[in-house]
C-alpha atoms as a PDB file:
ATOM      1  CA  UNK A   1    -164.788  20.949 161.845  1.00  0.00           C
ATOM      2  CA  UNK A   2    -167.522  22.289 163.597  1.00  0.00           C
ATOM      3  CA  UNK A   3    -170.747  20.244 164.399  1.00  0.00           C
ATOM      4  CA  UNK A   4    -172.913  21.749 162.110  1.00  0.00           C
ATOM      5  CA  UNK A   5    -170.460  21.184 159.094  1.00  0.00           C
ATOM      6  CA  UNK A   6    -170.231  17.788 160.323  1.00  0.00           C
ATOM      7  CA  UNK A   7    -173.865  17.213 160.251  1.00  0.00           C
ATOM      8  CA  UNK A   8    -174.273  18.949 156.983  1.00  0.00           C
ATOM      9  CA  UNK A   9    -171.740  16.614 155.491  1.00  0.00           C
ATOM     10  CA  UNK A  10    -173.322  13.707 156.845  1.00  0.00           C
ATOM     11  CA  UNK A  11    -176.805  14.689 155.366  1.00  0.00           C
ATOM     12  CA  UNK A  12    -175.091  15.842 151.983  1.00  0.00           C
ATOM     13  CA  UNK A  13    -173.200  12.214 151.682  1.00  0.00           C
ATOM     14  CA  UNK A  14    -176.478  10.376 152.596  1.00  0.00           C
ATOM     15  CA  UNK A  15    -179.051  12.461 150.433  1.00  0.00           C
ATOM     16  CA  UNK A  16    -176.768  13.434 147.274  1.00  0.00           C
ATOM     17  CA  UNK A  17    -174.508  10.405 147.245  1.00  0.00           C
ATOM     18  CA  UNK A  18    -177.220   7.904 147.387  1.00  0.00           C
ATOM     19  CA  UNK A  19    -180.692   9.511 146.827  1.00  0.00           C
ATOM     20  CA  UNK A  20    -180.654  11.917 143.946  1.00  0.00           C
ATOM     21  CA  UNK A  21    -178.592   9.811 141.760  1.00  0.00           C
ATOM     22  CA  UNK A  22    -181.146   6.849 141.990  1.00  0.00           C
ATOM     23  CA  UNK A  23    -184.461   8.565 141.627  1.00  0.00           C
ATOM     24  CA  UNK A  24    -185.461   8.033 145.168  1.00  0.00           C
ATOM     25  CA  UNK A  25    -187.812  10.895 145.601  1.00  0.00           C
ATOM     26  CA  UNK A  26    -189.824   9.507 142.312  1.00  0.00           C
ATOM     27  CA  UNK A  27    -189.735   5.637 143.641  1.00  0.00           C
ATOM     28  CA  UNK A  28    -193.356   4.946 143.531  1.00  0.00           C
ATOM     29  CA  UNK A  29    -192.935   1.890 145.851  1.00  0.00           C
ATOM     30  CA  UNK A  30    -191.930   3.785 148.874  1.00  0.00           C
ATOM     31  CA  UNK A  31    -188.628   1.690 148.700  1.00  0.00           C
ATOM     32  CA  UNK A  32    -185.418   3.375 148.576  1.00  0.00           C
ATOM     33  CA  UNK A  33    -182.876   1.473 146.315  1.00  0.00           C
ATOM     34  CA  UNK A  34    -179.261   2.146 146.619  1.00  0.00           C
ATOM     35  CA  UNK A  35    -176.622   0.173 144.870  1.00  0.00           C
ATOM     36  CA  UNK A  36    -174.955  -2.119 147.502  1.00  0.00           C
ATOM     37  CA  UNK A  37    -171.347  -0.756 146.876  1.00  0.00           C
ATOM     38  CA  UNK A  38    -172.447   2.885 147.142  1.00  0.00           C
ATOM     39  CA  UNK A  39    -174.209   2.122 150.539  1.00  0.00           C
ATOM     40  CA  UNK A  40    -171.116   0.514 151.766  1.00  0.00           C
ATOM     41  CA  UNK A  41    -168.886   3.423 150.567  1.00  0.00           C
ATOM     42  CA  UNK A  42    -171.441   5.812 152.230  1.00  0.00           C
ATOM     43  CA  UNK A  43    -171.361   3.868 155.435  1.00  0.00           C
ATOM     44  CA  UNK A  44    -167.566   4.099 155.683  1.00  0.00           C
ATOM     45  CA  UNK A  45    -167.604   7.882 155.141  1.00  0.00           C
ATOM     46  CA  UNK A  46    -170.472   8.288 157.823  1.00  0.00           C
ATOM     47  CA  UNK A  47    -168.290   5.770 160.572  1.00  0.00           C
ATOM     48  CA  UNK A  48    -165.461   8.318 160.083  1.00  0.00           C
ATOM     49  CA  UNK A  49    -167.688  11.482 160.468  1.00  0.00           C
ATOM     50  CA  UNK A  50    -169.453   9.716 163.623  1.00  0.00           C
ATOM     51  CA  UNK A  51    -165.871   9.079 165.018  1.00  0.00           C
ATOM     52  CA  UNK A  52    -165.155  12.637 164.827  1.00  0.00           C
ATOM     53  CA  UNK A  53    -168.378  13.897 166.134  1.00  0.00           C
ATOM     54  CA  UNK A  54    -168.012  11.019 169.095  1.00  0.00           C
ATOM     55  CA  UNK A  55    -164.561  12.631 169.920  1.00  0.00           C
ATOM     56  CA  UNK A  56    -165.831  16.313 170.047  1.00  0.00           C
ATOM     57  CA  UNK A  57    -168.573  14.895 172.463  1.00  0.00           C
ATOM     58  CA  UNK A  58    -165.999  13.284 174.554  1.00  0.00           C
ATOM     59  CA  UNK A  59    -163.751  16.704 174.791  1.00  0.00           C
ATOM     60  CA  UNK A  60    -167.167  18.617 175.654  1.00  0.00           C
ATOM     61  CA  UNK A  61    -167.976  15.993 178.243  1.00  0.00           C
ATOM     62  CA  UNK A  62    -164.515  16.231 179.705  1.00  0.00           C
ATOM     63  CA  UNK A  63    -164.565  20.086 179.885  1.00  0.00           C
ATOM     64  CA  UNK A  64    -168.206  20.355 181.304  1.00  0.00           C
ATOM     65  CA  UNK A  65    -169.022  22.087 184.769  1.00  0.00           C
ATOM     66  CA  UNK A  66    -167.332  19.713 187.458  1.00  0.00           C
ATOM     67  CA  UNK A  67    -170.903  18.472 188.583  1.00  0.00           C
ATOM     68  CA  UNK A  68    -172.192  17.666 185.132  1.00  0.00           C
ATOM     69  CA  UNK A  69    -168.987  15.798 184.173  1.00  0.00           C
ATOM     70  CA  UNK A  70    -170.252  12.128 185.072  1.00  0.00           C
ATOM     71  CA  UNK A  71    -173.593  12.860 183.947  1.00  0.00           C
ATOM     72  CA  UNK A  72    -172.226  13.858 180.566  1.00  0.00           C
ATOM     73  CA  UNK A  73    -170.010  10.640 180.212  1.00  0.00           C
ATOM     74  CA  UNK A  74    -173.089   8.548 181.273  1.00  0.00           C
ATOM     75  CA  UNK A  75    -175.144  10.061 178.227  1.00  0.00           C
ATOM     76  CA  UNK A  76    -171.998   9.233 176.063  1.00  0.00           C
ATOM     77  CA  UNK A  77    -172.031   5.926 177.275  1.00  0.00           C
ATOM     78  CA  UNK A  78    -175.694   5.324 176.557  1.00  0.00           C
ATOM     79  CA  UNK A  79    -175.177   6.943 173.165  1.00  0.00           C
ATOM     80  CA  UNK A  80    -172.132   4.276 172.517  1.00  0.00           C
ATOM     81  CA  UNK A  81    -174.381   1.594 173.189  1.00  0.00           C
ATOM     82  CA  UNK A  82    -177.155   2.796 171.107  1.00  0.00           C
ATOM     83  CA  UNK A  83    -174.556   3.320 168.214  1.00  0.00           C
ATOM     84  CA  UNK A  84    -173.484  -0.275 168.497  1.00  0.00           C
ATOM     85  CA  UNK A  85    -176.832  -1.612 168.054  1.00  0.00           C
ATOM     86  CA  UNK A  86    -177.305   0.551 165.088  1.00  0.00           C
ATOM     87  CA  UNK A  87    -174.080  -0.545 163.462  1.00  0.00           C
ATOM     88  CA  UNK A  88    -175.002  -4.153 163.873  1.00  0.00           C
ATOM     89  CA  UNK A  89    -178.229  -3.340 162.154  1.00  0.00           C
ATOM     90  CA  UNK A  90    -176.302  -1.540 159.181  1.00  0.00           C
ATOM     91  CA  UNK A  91    -173.775  -4.523 158.849  1.00  0.00           C
ATOM     92  CA  UNK A  92    -176.587  -6.640 158.668  1.00  0.00           C
ATOM     93  CA  UNK A  93    -178.193  -4.649 156.015  1.00  0.00           C
ATOM     94  CA  UNK A  94    -174.993  -4.896 154.056  1.00  0.00           C
ATOM     95  CA  UNK A  95    -174.980  -8.887 154.331  1.00  0.00           C
ATOM     96  CA  UNK A  96    -178.851  -9.415 153.996  1.00  0.00           C
ATOM     97  CA  UNK A  97    -179.947  -6.780 151.788  1.00  0.00           C
ATOM     98  CA  UNK A  98    -183.685  -7.498 152.830  1.00  0.00           C
ATOM     99  CA  UNK A  99    -182.989  -6.766 156.583  1.00  0.00           C
ATOM    100  CA  UNK A 100    -184.414  -3.374 158.003  1.00  0.00           C
ATOM    101  CA  UNK A 101    -182.746  -0.208 159.586  1.00  0.00           C
ATOM    102  CA  UNK A 102    -184.532   1.699 162.135  1.00  0.00           C
ATOM    103  CA  UNK A 103    -183.972   4.975 160.704  1.00  0.00           C
ATOM    104  CA  UNK A 104    -185.409   6.753 163.593  1.00  0.00           C
ATOM    105  CA  UNK A 105    -182.226   5.463 165.612  1.00  0.00           C
ATOM    106  CA  UNK A 106    -180.170   7.033 163.410  1.00  0.00           C
ATOM    107  CA  UNK A 107    -181.635  10.495 164.121  1.00  0.00           C
ATOM    108  CA  UNK A 108    -181.863  10.025 167.748  1.00  0.00           C
ATOM    109  CA  UNK A 109    -178.199   9.196 167.821  1.00  0.00           C
ATOM    110  CA  UNK A 110    -177.487  12.188 166.131  1.00  0.00           C
ATOM    111  CA  UNK A 111    -179.746  14.395 168.106  1.00  0.00           C
ATOM    112  CA  UNK A 112    -178.232  12.905 171.466  1.00  0.00           C
ATOM    113  CA  UNK A 113    -174.862  13.277 170.630  1.00  0.00           C
ATOM    114  CA  UNK A 114    -175.141  16.829 169.143  1.00  0.00           C
ATOM    115  CA  UNK A 115    -176.742  17.734 172.273  1.00  0.00           C
ATOM    116  CA  UNK A 116    -173.659  17.051 174.534  1.00  0.00           C
ATOM    117  CA  UNK A 117    -171.716  19.474 172.332  1.00  0.00           C
ATOM    118  CA  UNK A 118    -171.974  23.098 173.242  1.00  0.00           C
END
């Protein structure tokens, strides 16, 4: 699966699976409401896709030019740390629906890991 397809799949799962079925774009409060089970199911799919993307990034780092391998793996380690923080936020959201998720972190992580893959 190419990176583009993977990112498209993540976007489709999040938008079509959660948003359009629940009047997200017409909700006047500015809040997006997703049934808890659908959120949990979508998160499970995203975790699988993230693992595939992470493996592709690791392979890209391993095949990077010799002088760039350690820098690439350093960036990947930073991404892993940020992903763990995000996972804690998401799991907190599942347990306590009133908690907040920093969606800027989500887009930042996707941008960072995609940047490692040629």
